Amino acid sequence: MKTRRDFLRSTVLGASAAWTVPMFIERTFGQLHEGARDIAVQPRTGKDDTILVVLQLAGGNDGLNTLVPYADDTYYKSRPKIAKKEKEIIKLSDHVGLNNALPFLGSLFKEGDLGIVQGVGYPNPNRSHFVSTSIWETADTTNHSPTGWLGRYFDNACPGADPTVGMSFNKTQPESFGALKNPGVCLNSPELYRWIHSGGETDQAEKFFADLNQPSSNLPDHDEDDSPSDGGSIAMAAGGKVGGIQGESSLDFLERVALDAQVSSKTILELAAKHRTTVAYDGTPLARNLNLVARMIAGGMPTRVYYVSHGGFDTHNQQLNSHERLLGQLDGALKSFLADLKQQGNDKRVVLMTFSEFGRRVSENASAGTDHGKASCLFLAGAGVKGGLLGTHPSLTDLSEGDIKHTVDFRSVYGTLLADWLKAPDVKPILGAVYPKMDFIG
């Protein structure tokens, strides 16, 4: 690092901390920002470059009742109680259509701004929530990687990036953010939701935050993350299996987290407060989080990747109503979010990708629900997307233990986003191999 002044000027957090930063923070930030020592401005940031929003559909979304193969008789024979009737879908082709709880996504598809990847999954799939989520988060089907796919993107393709290069809205850091150098930032504070209520009372914001952090009642206990919230303004910690920066002591790590929380919270709130949208958002946790993402993008955060989650998709019992309610919440939140981005003039800079750890079995169970399956579908939304149906819809008769087989490896989706949207110079160090690219970035 040339000088302390040069370093502080190169980061949002350093600029906010001014000259109150103790010496240990120079050392630990220095490790995060090794690539920035000779630059005053980051070459690529979310202020003026492309942005990726990752939206997790937690619990295992039923792809067959999301993208419905209405022309396949096997679908109706396998699901006598929960199959979507032909009149209840939004037809996209002669074979498949969207659940009618997704009218906005149906219109987005017709406008050419929604890509739907059919039959997405991975070899030798696992039906455990915990294991399969970890595989999607790390992009490692052996489930041995100590880092996440986005964390490796931060480390390998974002030299000199601010710690806010990645921002998660989960109660804990997603495993995908696990990194050796820069694990991004995890926001988990009622303070950050307070202004969403347009000056609402603190107890209202705190109640919302408490509800947001309740574990999903649909998920089995052994797959739940029962770790308590740390109560801090912002937890900046390594995601997944990585415990901070390599070579950093536990004391330095805790001190860094505490100071980052104080400084980042103020910075983020100031930037987010700059934008006042006229777009109405629903009161769901997902809509509120996407509202916050939109405000941060409008405020000029340097973040390249935002991560949000929408849970409850583990639909073992009486699936029909709960699944359609969840899809409707997804549809409404995306409608508001994309309209907000268009109003800002940022719609062409943002692509949103959904993912779920697995799909559901082809046949419904005795409880009018579906059990853990394998392949599913995912959405790619935004003005930067070349819309359409991607991949081949899997067979409902050529099955693997009652599950549809994947026709697209999810790492092909990741690789395409990394190379064509985020402009990573080399995808191989991030994904461990080069996967066939897909044609969905227009």
Protein backbone atom coordinates (compact mmCIF):
# COMPACT_ATOMS: atom_id res chain seq x y z
CA MET A 1 0.00 0.00 0.00
CA LYS A 2 1.48 3.36 -1.02
CA THR A 3 0.01 5.49 1.74
CA ARG A 4 -2.73 5.26 4.29
CA ARG A 5 -4.53 8.11 2.49
CA ASP A 6 -4.43 6.26 -0.86
CA PHE A 7 -5.87 3.16 0.72
CA LEU A 8 -8.71 4.92 2.49
CA ARG A 9 -9.67 6.78 -0.67
CA SER A 10 -9.94 3.49 -2.59
CA THR A 11 -12.83 2.08 -0.57
CA VAL A 12 -16.34 3.04 0.41
CA LEU A 13 -15.76 1.79 3.92
CA GLY A 14 -12.41 3.50 4.27
CA ALA A 15 -13.83 6.80 3.05
CA SER A 16 -16.62 6.52 5.58
CA ALA A 17 -14.25 5.68 8.43
CA ALA A 18 -12.09 8.73 7.62
CA TRP A 19 -9.06 8.86 9.95
CA THR A 20 -10.55 6.93 12.86
CA VAL A 21 -9.50 3.55 11.47
CA PRO A 22 -7.08 1.78 13.84
CA MET A 23 -3.91 0.18 12.56
CA PHE A 24 -5.27 -3.39 12.60
CA ILE A 25 -7.98 -2.41 10.14
CA GLU A 26 -5.36 -1.16 7.70
CA ARG A 27 -3.76 -4.57 7.84
CA THR A 28 -6.94 -6.59 7.40
CA PHE A 29 -8.42 -4.26 4.77
CA GLY A 30 -5.05 -4.35 3.09
CA GLN A 31 -5.45 -8.09 2.62
CA LEU A 32 -8.94 -7.58 1.21
CA HIS A 33 -7.74 -4.85 -1.13
CA GLU A 34 -4.32 -6.05 -2.18
CA GLY A 35 -5.27 -5.52 -5.81
CA ALA A 36 -6.24 -1.90 -5.20
CA ARG A 37 -2.97 -0.57 -3.91
CA ASP A 38 -2.14 1.30 -7.11
CA ILE A 39 -5.58 2.53 -8.08
CA ALA A 40 -7.78 5.29 -6.71
CA VAL A 41 -11.00 4.12 -8.37
CA GLN A 42 -12.21 0.55 -8.88
CA PRO A 43 -12.26 -0.34 -12.60
CA ARG A 44 -15.53 -2.31 -12.44
CA THR A 45 -18.23 -1.78 -9.83
CA GLY A 46 -21.98 -1.98 -9.54
CA LYS A 47 -22.08 1.82 -9.72
CA ASP A 48 -21.87 1.78 -13.50
CA ASP A 49 -21.39 -1.84 -14.60
CA THR A 50 -23.51 -4.97 -14.76
CA ILE A 51 -25.15 -6.39 -11.62
CA LEU A 52 -26.35 -9.91 -10.81
CA VAL A 53 -29.17 -10.59 -8.35
CA VAL A 54 -29.35 -14.19 -7.11
CA LEU A 55 -32.74 -15.24 -5.73
CA GLN A 56 -32.89 -18.53 -3.84
CA LEU A 57 -36.20 -20.42 -3.80
CA ALA A 58 -35.42 -22.31 -0.61
CA GLY A 59 -36.92 -25.70 0.16
CA GLY A 60 -36.99 -27.29 -3.28
CA ASN A 61 -39.34 -25.63 -5.77
CA ASP A 62 -41.67 -27.93 -7.70
CA GLY A 63 -40.56 -27.25 -11.26
CA LEU A 64 -43.38 -29.29 -12.80
CA ASN A 65 -46.07 -27.09 -11.27
CA THR A 66 -44.05 -23.95 -12.07
CA LEU A 67 -43.29 -24.71 -15.71
CA VAL A 68 -46.18 -27.06 -16.48
CA PRO A 69 -45.88 -29.73 -19.23
CA TYR A 70 -49.58 -29.42 -19.99
CA ALA A 71 -49.39 -31.41 -23.24
CA ASP A 72 -47.98 -34.51 -21.48
CA ASP A 73 -50.63 -36.99 -20.31
CA THR A 74 -48.12 -38.50 -17.86
CA TYR A 75 -48.17 -35.24 -15.91
CA TYR A 76 -51.90 -35.55 -15.22
CA LYS A 77 -51.75 -39.28 -14.50
CA SER A 78 -48.95 -38.73 -12.00
CA ARG A 79 -50.70 -35.82 -10.24
CA PRO A 80 -54.45 -36.44 -10.12
CA LYS A 81 -54.96 -33.95 -7.24
CA ILE A 82 -52.39 -31.22 -7.77
CA ALA A 83 -51.87 -31.05 -11.56
CA LYS A 84 -52.55 -27.66 -13.11
CA LYS A 85 -55.32 -27.85 -15.68
CA GLU A 86 -54.66 -26.54 -19.16
CA LYS A 87 -57.00 -23.58 -18.59
CA GLU A 88 -55.01 -22.66 -15.47
CA ILE A 89 -51.69 -22.02 -17.18
CA ILE A 90 -50.06 -19.34 -19.30
CA LYS A 91 -49.04 -21.15 -22.47
CA LEU A 92 -45.48 -20.55 -23.65
CA SER A 93 -45.25 -23.29 -26.27
CA ASP A 94 -47.17 -26.29 -27.56
CA HIS A 95 -45.80 -28.32 -24.65
CA VAL A 96 -45.26 -26.12 -21.56
CA GLY A 97 -46.77 -23.12 -19.83
CA LEU A 98 -46.33 -21.11 -16.64
CA ASN A 99 -48.42 -21.55 -13.52
CA ASN A 100 -51.18 -18.91 -13.63
CA ALA A 101 -49.85 -17.50 -10.34
CA LEU A 102 -47.07 -15.97 -12.47
CA PRO A 103 -48.86 -13.50 -14.78
CA PHE A 104 -46.06 -10.93 -14.71
CA LEU A 105 -43.42 -13.51 -15.62
CA GLY A 106 -45.73 -14.66 -18.41
CA SER A 107 -45.82 -11.14 -19.83
CA LEU A 108 -42.06 -10.77 -19.34
CA PHE A 109 -41.52 -13.97 -21.34
CA LYS A 110 -43.64 -12.63 -24.20
CA GLU A 111 -41.63 -9.39 -24.13
CA GLY A 112 -38.43 -11.40 -24.52
CA ASP A 113 -36.94 -10.53 -21.12
CA LEU A 114 -37.41 -13.87 -19.36
CA GLY A 115 -35.30 -16.95 -19.97
CA ILE A 116 -36.44 -20.26 -18.49
CA VAL A 117 -33.90 -23.04 -18.15
CA GLN A 118 -35.67 -26.40 -18.28
CA GLY A 119 -34.45 -29.52 -16.52
CA VAL A 120 -31.56 -27.84 -14.70
CA GLY A 121 -29.61 -29.93 -12.19
CA TYR A 122 -26.34 -31.82 -11.80
CA PRO A 123 -24.93 -35.37 -12.04
CA ASN A 124 -25.55 -37.79 -9.15
CA PRO A 125 -28.06 -35.47 -7.46
CA ASN A 126 -28.69 -35.45 -3.73
CA ARG A 127 -32.14 -35.08 -2.13
CA SER A 128 -30.91 -33.56 1.15
CA HIS A 129 -31.75 -29.87 1.57
CA PHE A 130 -28.42 -29.23 3.25
CA VAL A 131 -26.20 -31.18 0.84
CA SER A 132 -27.90 -30.11 -2.37
CA THR A 133 -27.99 -26.44 -1.34
CA SER A 134 -24.28 -26.67 -0.57
CA ILE A 135 -23.63 -28.14 -4.02
CA TRP A 136 -25.49 -25.31 -5.73
CA GLU A 137 -23.76 -22.72 -3.53
CA THR A 138 -20.24 -24.05 -4.07
CA ALA A 139 -20.70 -25.34 -7.65
CA ASP A 140 -18.93 -28.49 -6.48
CA THR A 141 -20.87 -31.75 -6.89
CA THR A 142 -18.46 -33.57 -4.55
CA ASN A 143 -19.46 -31.10 -1.80
CA HIS A 144 -15.83 -30.70 -0.69
CA SER A 145 -15.13 -27.11 -1.72
CA PRO A 146 -14.15 -24.72 1.11
CA THR A 147 -15.35 -21.73 -0.93
CA GLY A 148 -18.48 -20.68 -2.83
CA TRP A 149 -18.85 -19.96 -6.52
CA LEU A 150 -19.52 -16.26 -5.96
CA GLY A 151 -16.76 -15.98 -3.38
CA ARG A 152 -14.33 -17.38 -5.95
CA TYR A 153 -15.65 -14.83 -8.43
CA PHE A 154 -14.92 -12.05 -5.93
CA ASP A 155 -11.42 -13.44 -5.29
CA ASN A 156 -10.46 -14.14 -8.90
CA ALA A 157 -12.25 -11.49 -10.95
CA CYS A 158 -12.71 -8.50 -8.62
CA PRO A 159 -9.24 -7.36 -7.54
CA GLY A 160 -9.39 -4.27 -5.38
CA ALA A 161 -13.13 -4.54 -4.88
CA ASP A 162 -14.84 -3.12 -1.84
CA PRO A 163 -16.08 -5.59 0.79
CA THR A 164 -19.54 -4.62 -0.47
CA VAL A 165 -18.81 -6.29 -3.83
CA GLY A 166 -21.29 -8.93 -2.68
CA MET A 167 -24.28 -8.25 -0.46
CA SER A 168 -26.57 -10.86 1.09
CA PHE A 169 -29.95 -10.31 2.75
CA ASN A 170 -30.05 -13.62 4.62
CA LYS A 171 -29.78 -14.05 8.39
CA THR A 172 -26.46 -15.80 7.75
CA GLN A 173 -23.91 -15.44 4.98
CA PRO A 174 -24.71 -17.76 2.05
CA GLU A 175 -22.20 -20.47 1.38
CA SER A 176 -21.86 -19.16 -2.18
CA PHE A 177 -20.07 -16.08 -0.75
CA GLY A 178 -17.36 -18.18 0.94
CA ALA A 179 -14.02 -16.69 -0.13
CA LEU A 180 -10.32 -16.65 0.67
CA LYS A 181 -10.03 -12.86 0.36
CA ASN A 182 -13.35 -11.04 0.10
CA PRO A 183 -16.52 -12.77 1.36
CA GLY A 184 -18.87 -9.87 0.83
CA VAL A 185 -21.27 -8.39 3.37
CA CYS A 186 -24.33 -9.86 5.10
CA LEU A 187 -27.06 -7.44 6.17
CA ASN A 188 -29.23 -8.46 9.10
CA SER A 189 -30.56 -5.49 10.98
CA PRO A 190 -33.99 -3.95 11.60
CA GLU A 191 -32.32 -0.57 11.10
CA LEU A 192 -31.90 -1.31 7.41
CA TYR A 193 -35.64 -1.91 6.96
CA ARG A 194 -36.83 1.04 9.00
CA TRP A 195 -36.95 3.53 6.15
CA ILE A 196 -38.82 1.05 3.92
CA HIS A 197 -41.81 1.85 6.10
CA SER A 198 -41.41 5.54 5.15
CA GLY A 199 -40.47 6.54 8.65
CA GLY A 200 -42.38 3.79 10.41
CA GLU A 201 -41.90 2.95 14.05
CA THR A 202 -38.84 1.03 15.18
CA ASP A 203 -40.90 -1.75 16.76
CA GLN A 204 -42.65 -2.34 13.42
CA ALA A 205 -39.31 -2.76 11.68
CA GLU A 206 -38.01 -5.02 14.43
CA LYS A 207 -41.13 -7.21 14.24
CA PHE A 208 -40.65 -7.55 10.50
CA PHE A 209 -37.02 -8.49 11.00
CA ALA A 210 -37.96 -11.07 13.65
CA ASP A 211 -40.55 -12.60 11.31
CA LEU A 212 -38.03 -12.65 8.49
CA ASN A 213 -35.60 -14.67 10.59
CA GLN A 214 -38.11 -17.30 11.69
CA PRO A 215 -37.16 -20.73 10.31
CA SER A 216 -39.49 -22.06 7.65
CA SER A 217 -42.03 -24.42 9.21
CA ASN A 218 -41.87 -26.56 6.09
CA LEU A 219 -38.21 -27.45 6.36
CA PRO A 220 -37.10 -30.46 8.42
CA ASP A 221 -35.30 -29.74 11.69
CA HIS A 222 -32.03 -31.38 10.69
CA ASP A 223 -31.71 -29.06 7.71
CA GLU A 224 -32.45 -25.86 9.61
CA ASP A 225 -29.83 -23.25 10.42
CA ASP A 226 -30.55 -22.60 14.12
CA SER A 227 -27.69 -20.21 14.70
CA PRO A 228 -28.89 -17.01 16.44
CA SER A 229 -28.59 -13.59 14.88
CA ASP A 230 -25.59 -11.69 16.16
CA GLY A 231 -27.70 -8.56 16.73
CA GLY A 232 -25.14 -6.33 15.03
CA SER A 233 -25.88 -3.72 12.39
CA ILE A 234 -24.10 -5.68 9.68
CA ALA A 235 -22.32 -8.98 9.93
CA MET A 236 -19.39 -8.99 7.57
CA ALA A 237 -18.12 -12.52 7.68
CA ALA A 238 -16.82 -15.23 5.40
CA GLY A 239 -19.62 -17.32 3.99
CA GLY A 240 -19.88 -21.08 4.07
CA LYS A 241 -16.86 -22.98 5.29
CA VAL A 242 -14.32 -20.17 5.29
CA GLY A 243 -13.71 -18.41 8.61
CA GLY A 244 -12.52 -14.96 7.61
CA ILE A 245 -9.38 -13.84 5.81
CA GLN A 246 -6.47 -16.24 5.61
CA GLY A 247 -3.87 -15.45 8.26
CA GLU A 248 -6.20 -13.21 10.23
CA SER A 249 -6.43 -13.79 13.99
CA SER A 250 -9.79 -14.30 15.69
CA LEU A 251 -9.40 -11.01 17.55
CA ASP A 252 -8.67 -9.07 14.38
CA PHE A 253 -11.62 -10.72 12.67
CA LEU A 254 -14.04 -9.77 15.45
CA GLU A 255 -12.71 -6.23 15.65
CA ARG A 256 -12.98 -5.85 11.88
CA VAL A 257 -16.56 -7.12 11.87
CA ALA A 258 -17.54 -4.71 14.64
CA LEU A 259 -16.04 -1.67 12.91
CA ASP A 260 -17.30 -2.68 9.47
CA ALA A 261 -20.80 -3.02 10.92
CA GLN A 262 -20.78 0.51 12.28
CA VAL A 263 -19.26 2.13 9.21
CA SER A 264 -21.07 0.10 6.53
CA SER A 265 -24.48 0.56 8.09
CA LYS A 266 -24.18 4.34 7.94
CA THR A 267 -22.80 4.29 4.39
CA ILE A 268 -25.45 1.92 3.07
CA LEU A 269 -28.32 3.78 4.70
CA GLU A 270 -27.12 7.10 3.30
CA LEU A 271 -26.84 5.71 -0.23
CA ALA A 272 -30.14 3.83 -0.07
CA ALA A 273 -31.98 6.89 1.24
CA LYS A 274 -31.19 8.78 -1.98
CA HIS A 275 -33.84 6.88 -3.94
CA ARG A 276 -37.57 7.27 -3.42
CA THR A 277 -39.51 5.10 -5.83
CA THR A 278 -43.12 5.57 -6.85
CA VAL A 279 -43.42 1.82 -7.49
CA ALA A 280 -45.57 0.00 -4.93
CA TYR A 281 -44.04 -3.09 -3.31
CA ASP A 282 -45.98 -5.79 -1.46
CA GLY A 283 -45.37 -6.30 2.26
CA THR A 284 -43.70 -9.71 1.89
CA PRO A 285 -40.11 -10.24 3.07
CA LEU A 286 -39.02 -10.93 -0.51
CA ALA A 287 -40.58 -7.72 -1.85
CA ARG A 288 -39.03 -5.68 0.97
CA ASN A 289 -35.60 -7.13 0.32
CA LEU A 290 -35.84 -6.44 -3.41
CA ASN A 291 -37.01 -2.92 -2.54
CA LEU A 292 -33.81 -2.53 -0.53
CA VAL A 293 -31.71 -3.92 -3.40
CA ALA A 294 -33.32 -1.46 -5.80
CA ARG A 295 -32.58 1.45 -3.45
CA MET A 296 -28.95 0.41 -3.15
CA ILE A 297 -28.55 0.16 -6.90
CA ALA A 298 -30.13 3.61 -7.31
CA GLY A 299 -27.91 4.97 -4.54
CA GLY A 300 -24.73 3.92 -6.36
CA MET A 301 -23.48 1.02 -4.25
CA PRO A 302 -20.43 -0.66 -5.84
CA THR A 303 -22.01 -4.10 -5.30
CA ARG A 304 -21.80 -6.51 -8.24
CA VAL A 305 -23.85 -9.37 -6.72
CA TYR A 306 -26.92 -9.20 -4.47
CA TYR A 307 -28.33 -12.32 -2.82
CA VAL A 308 -31.90 -12.68 -1.54
CA SER A 309 -34.01 -15.66 -0.50
CA HIS A 310 -37.66 -16.70 -0.70
CA GLY A 311 -38.42 -19.75 1.45
CA GLY A 312 -41.17 -22.27 2.12
CA PHE A 313 -40.96 -24.43 -1.02
CA ASP A 314 -40.70 -27.76 0.81
CA THR A 315 -44.27 -28.65 -0.11
CA HIS A 316 -44.79 -32.19 1.24
CA ASN A 317 -48.40 -31.57 2.32
CA GLN A 318 -51.37 -29.91 0.60
CA GLN A 319 -49.08 -28.28 -1.92
CA LEU A 320 -51.48 -26.63 -4.31
CA ASN A 321 -52.49 -23.52 -2.35
CA SER A 322 -49.16 -22.93 -0.58
CA HIS A 323 -47.13 -23.33 -3.77
CA GLU A 324 -49.32 -20.94 -5.72
CA ARG A 325 -49.16 -18.43 -2.87
CA LEU A 326 -45.34 -18.56 -2.91
CA LEU A 327 -45.22 -18.22 -6.70
CA GLY A 328 -47.62 -15.30 -6.51
CA GLN A 329 -45.37 -13.57 -3.98
CA LEU A 330 -42.41 -14.16 -6.28
CA ASP A 331 -44.30 -12.77 -9.27
CA GLY A 332 -45.44 -9.65 -7.43
CA ALA A 333 -42.01 -8.91 -5.99
CA LEU A 334 -40.30 -9.27 -9.37
CA LYS A 335 -42.89 -7.08 -11.05
CA SER A 336 -42.22 -4.24 -8.60
CA PHE A 337 -38.45 -4.72 -8.62
CA LEU A 338 -38.06 -4.68 -12.40
CA ALA A 339 -40.44 -1.74 -12.73
CA ASP A 340 -38.36 0.14 -10.13
CA LEU A 341 -35.15 -0.56 -12.04
CA LYS A 342 -36.74 0.66 -15.27
CA GLN A 343 -37.90 3.85 -13.55
CA GLN A 344 -34.32 4.42 -12.36
CA GLY A 345 -32.87 3.76 -15.82
CA ASN A 346 -30.91 0.80 -14.41
CA ASP A 347 -32.97 -2.02 -15.93
CA LYS A 348 -30.40 -2.82 -18.62
CA ARG A 349 -27.65 -3.26 -16.02
CA VAL A 350 -29.35 -5.94 -13.88
CA VAL A 351 -30.01 -9.64 -14.44
CA LEU A 352 -31.81 -11.73 -11.83
CA MET A 353 -31.36 -15.50 -11.57
CA THR A 354 -33.48 -17.83 -9.43
CA PHE A 355 -32.34 -21.22 -8.17
CA SER A 356 -33.65 -23.95 -5.88
CA GLU A 357 -31.70 -26.85 -4.38
CA PHE A 358 -33.81 -29.47 -6.19
CA GLY A 359 -37.19 -30.08 -7.77
CA ARG A 360 -39.91 -32.49 -6.66
CA ARG A 361 -40.89 -36.05 -7.59
CA VAL A 362 -43.00 -36.51 -10.70
CA SER A 363 -45.78 -38.28 -8.78
CA GLU A 364 -47.69 -36.57 -6.00
CA ASN A 365 -47.68 -38.23 -2.56
CA ALA A 366 -50.58 -39.40 -0.40
CA SER A 367 -50.76 -35.99 1.33
CA ALA A 368 -51.52 -34.05 -1.87
CA GLY A 369 -47.95 -32.80 -1.89
CA THR A 370 -44.66 -33.75 -3.49
CA ASP A 371 -41.44 -35.17 -2.06
CA HIS A 372 -37.81 -34.25 -2.70
CA GLY A 373 -36.78 -34.76 -6.31
CA LYS A 374 -33.90 -33.82 -8.54
CA ALA A 375 -34.01 -31.54 -11.60
CA SER A 376 -36.20 -28.44 -11.81
CA CYS A 377 -36.33 -25.14 -13.72
CA LEU A 378 -34.89 -21.69 -13.08
CA PHE A 379 -35.62 -18.17 -14.28
CA LEU A 380 -33.35 -15.49 -15.75
CA ALA A 381 -35.02 -12.09 -15.81
CA GLY A 382 -34.08 -8.62 -16.96
CA ALA A 383 -33.66 -6.38 -19.97
CA GLY A 384 -30.20 -7.90 -20.52
CA VAL A 385 -31.66 -11.38 -20.98
CA LYS A 386 -32.34 -12.99 -24.34
CA GLY A 387 -35.63 -14.59 -23.43
CA GLY A 388 -37.08 -17.96 -24.33
CA LEU A 389 -37.10 -21.60 -23.32
CA LEU A 390 -33.58 -22.92 -22.77
CA GLY A 391 -32.58 -26.56 -22.78
CA THR A 392 -34.92 -29.49 -23.30
CA HIS A 393 -37.86 -30.24 -21.06
CA PRO A 394 -37.04 -33.58 -19.40
CA SER A 395 -39.03 -36.74 -20.00
CA LEU A 396 -41.68 -37.72 -17.46
CA THR A 397 -41.33 -41.40 -18.29
CA ASP A 398 -37.55 -41.86 -18.54
CA LEU A 399 -36.93 -41.30 -14.85
CA SER A 400 -34.24 -41.80 -12.23
CA GLU A 401 -35.79 -43.32 -9.08
CA GLY A 402 -39.04 -41.51 -9.75
CA ASP A 403 -37.34 -38.20 -10.57
CA ILE A 404 -36.82 -36.35 -13.82
CA LYS A 405 -33.26 -36.34 -15.12
CA HIS A 406 -31.42 -33.09 -15.62
CA THR A 407 -30.83 -31.93 -19.19
CA VAL A 408 -28.77 -28.83 -18.30
CA ASP A 409 -25.91 -28.68 -15.78
CA PHE A 410 -26.44 -25.63 -13.55
CA ARG A 411 -22.77 -24.75 -13.92
CA SER A 412 -23.44 -23.93 -17.58
CA VAL A 413 -25.82 -21.23 -16.33
CA TYR A 414 -23.23 -19.99 -13.83
CA GLY A 415 -20.47 -20.01 -16.43
CA THR A 416 -22.54 -18.02 -18.90
CA LEU A 417 -23.43 -15.40 -16.29
CA LEU A 418 -19.82 -15.13 -15.15
CA ALA A 419 -18.35 -14.82 -18.64
CA ASP A 420 -21.02 -12.95 -20.60
CA TRP A 421 -22.70 -10.83 -17.92
CA LEU A 422 -20.17 -10.22 -15.15
CA LYS A 423 -17.28 -10.35 -17.66
CA ALA A 424 -15.01 -12.58 -15.58
CA PRO A 425 -11.77 -12.89 -17.55
CA ASP A 426 -11.38 -16.62 -16.78
CA VAL A 427 -14.23 -18.83 -15.56
CA LYS A 428 -12.18 -21.98 -14.99
CA PRO A 429 -10.60 -20.95 -11.63
CA ILE A 430 -14.11 -20.08 -10.43
CA LEU A 431 -15.99 -23.20 -11.54
CA GLY A 432 -13.07 -25.63 -11.71
CA ALA A 433 -13.81 -26.45 -15.35
CA VAL A 434 -15.27 -24.91 -18.49
CA TYR A 435 -18.92 -25.81 -19.10
CA PRO A 436 -20.89 -25.34 -22.34
CA LYS A 437 -22.12 -21.78 -22.56
CA MET A 438 -25.77 -20.97 -23.10
CA ASP A 439 -27.34 -18.32 -25.27
CA PHE A 440 -29.35 -16.17 -22.89
CA ILE A 441 -27.41 -12.90 -22.61
CA GLY A 442 -28.66 -10.59 -25.33
